[in-house]
């Protein structure tokens, strides 16, 4: 009887060990999958950020575009276009240099 009880106990211990081993395998597999998901999410963030920044820059570019030629950007200091208002810019530069 003692041998039978011992065999039953060993069989139960073996089952428990196998179950624990299976659970450990599943957990490590899940952790690996989670790590891969995190890496993918980080990659997605890195790829979407530059696109968002480009969109912002394009909006700013439209905002600061010259109303006459619509090609060049205007100066934020005096609102003059470097293509259309080059003569005004040159004359302002001359006036500014004469004052000093």
Protein backbone atom coordinates (compact mmCIF):
# COMPACT_ATOMS: atom_id res chain seq x y z
CA UNK A 1 0.00 0.00 0.00
CA UNK A 2 2.82 2.37 0.84
CA UNK A 3 4.37 1.71 -2.58
CA UNK A 4 1.08 2.49 -4.30
CA UNK A 5 0.70 5.76 -2.38
CA UNK A 6 4.30 6.62 -3.21
CA UNK A 7 3.70 5.98 -6.93
CA UNK A 8 0.51 8.07 -6.90
CA UNK A 9 2.35 10.91 -5.16
CA UNK A 10 5.23 10.73 -7.68
CA UNK A 11 2.75 10.75 -10.58
CA UNK A 12 0.97 13.80 -9.14
CA UNK A 13 4.30 15.55 -8.59
CA UNK A 14 5.27 14.78 -12.17
CA UNK A 15 1.94 16.19 -13.45
CA UNK A 16 2.36 19.32 -11.35
CA UNK A 17 5.90 19.81 -12.65
CA UNK A 18 4.73 19.37 -16.25
CA UNK A 19 1.89 21.84 -15.70
CA UNK A 20 4.30 24.36 -14.20
CA UNK A 21 6.69 23.83 -17.10
CA UNK A 22 3.85 24.42 -19.60
CA UNK A 23 2.76 27.55 -17.77
CA UNK A 24 6.34 28.86 -17.74
CA UNK A 25 6.62 28.24 -21.48
CA UNK A 26 3.33 30.06 -22.11
CA UNK A 27 4.35 32.98 -19.91
CA UNK A 28 7.71 33.38 -21.63
CA UNK A 29 6.00 33.14 -25.00
CA UNK A 30 3.48 35.83 -23.95
CA UNK A 31 6.28 38.04 -22.64
CA UNK A 32 8.11 37.64 -25.93
CA UNK A 33 4.98 38.58 -27.85
CA UNK A 34 4.41 41.58 -25.60
CA UNK A 35 7.99 42.72 -26.13
CA UNK A 36 7.55 42.40 -29.89
CA UNK A 37 4.30 44.39 -29.72
CA UNK A 38 6.03 47.13 -27.73
CA UNK A 39 8.83 47.31 -30.29
CA UNK A 40 6.29 47.58 -33.09
CA UNK A 41 4.41 50.32 -31.24
CA UNK A 42 7.64 52.25 -30.76
CA UNK A 43 8.43 51.89 -34.46
CA UNK A 44 4.93 53.13 -35.36
CA UNK A 45 5.37 56.17 -33.10
CA UNK A 46 8.71 56.96 -34.72
CA UNK A 47 7.25 56.74 -38.22
CA UNK A 48 4.11 58.78 -37.49
CA UNK A 49 5.87 61.61 -35.64
CA UNK A 50 7.91 62.86 -38.61
CA UNK A 51 4.80 62.77 -40.80
CA UNK A 52 2.89 64.87 -38.27
CA UNK A 53 5.79 67.30 -38.05
CA UNK A 54 5.92 67.58 -41.84
CA UNK A 55 2.21 68.36 -41.91
CA UNK A 56 2.74 71.11 -39.34
CA UNK A 57 5.62 72.53 -41.36
CA UNK A 58 3.54 72.54 -44.53
CA UNK A 59 0.77 74.44 -42.74
CA UNK A 60 3.30 76.98 -41.46
CA UNK A 61 4.78 77.28 -44.93
CA UNK A 62 1.34 78.10 -46.36
CA UNK A 63 0.77 80.58 -43.55
CA UNK A 64 4.05 82.42 -44.25
CA UNK A 65 3.90 82.27 -48.05
CA UNK A 66 4.00 85.49 -50.02
CA UNK A 67 0.55 86.61 -51.12
CA UNK A 68 1.85 87.98 -54.42
CA UNK A 69 4.05 85.23 -55.81
CA UNK A 70 2.95 82.38 -53.47
CA UNK A 71 6.35 80.77 -53.89
CA UNK A 72 8.72 82.43 -51.47
CA UNK A 73 8.33 82.77 -47.74
CA UNK A 74 7.99 86.20 -46.21
CA UNK A 75 10.33 87.50 -43.57
CA UNK A 76 8.91 87.21 -40.06
CA UNK A 77 10.60 90.48 -39.01
CA UNK A 78 9.18 92.83 -41.60
CA UNK A 79 6.68 90.76 -43.62
CA UNK A 80 8.51 91.28 -46.90
CA UNK A 81 9.04 88.63 -49.55
CA UNK A 82 12.64 87.95 -50.54
CA UNK A 83 11.61 87.63 -54.19
CA UNK A 84 8.92 90.27 -54.71
CA UNK A 85 10.13 92.90 -52.25
CA UNK A 86 13.87 92.67 -52.78
CA UNK A 87 14.12 96.38 -53.70
CA UNK A 88 12.33 97.40 -50.50
CA UNK A 89 14.60 95.16 -48.50
CA UNK A 90 17.70 96.67 -50.07
CA UNK A 91 16.49 100.21 -49.47
CA UNK A 92 15.65 99.40 -45.83
CA UNK A 93 19.11 97.97 -45.41
CA UNK A 94 20.68 101.14 -46.79
CA UNK A 95 18.54 103.38 -44.55
CA UNK A 96 19.41 101.25 -41.52
CA UNK A 97 23.15 101.44 -42.27
CA UNK A 98 23.02 105.25 -42.73
CA UNK A 99 21.44 105.78 -39.29
CA UNK A 100 24.37 104.09 -37.56
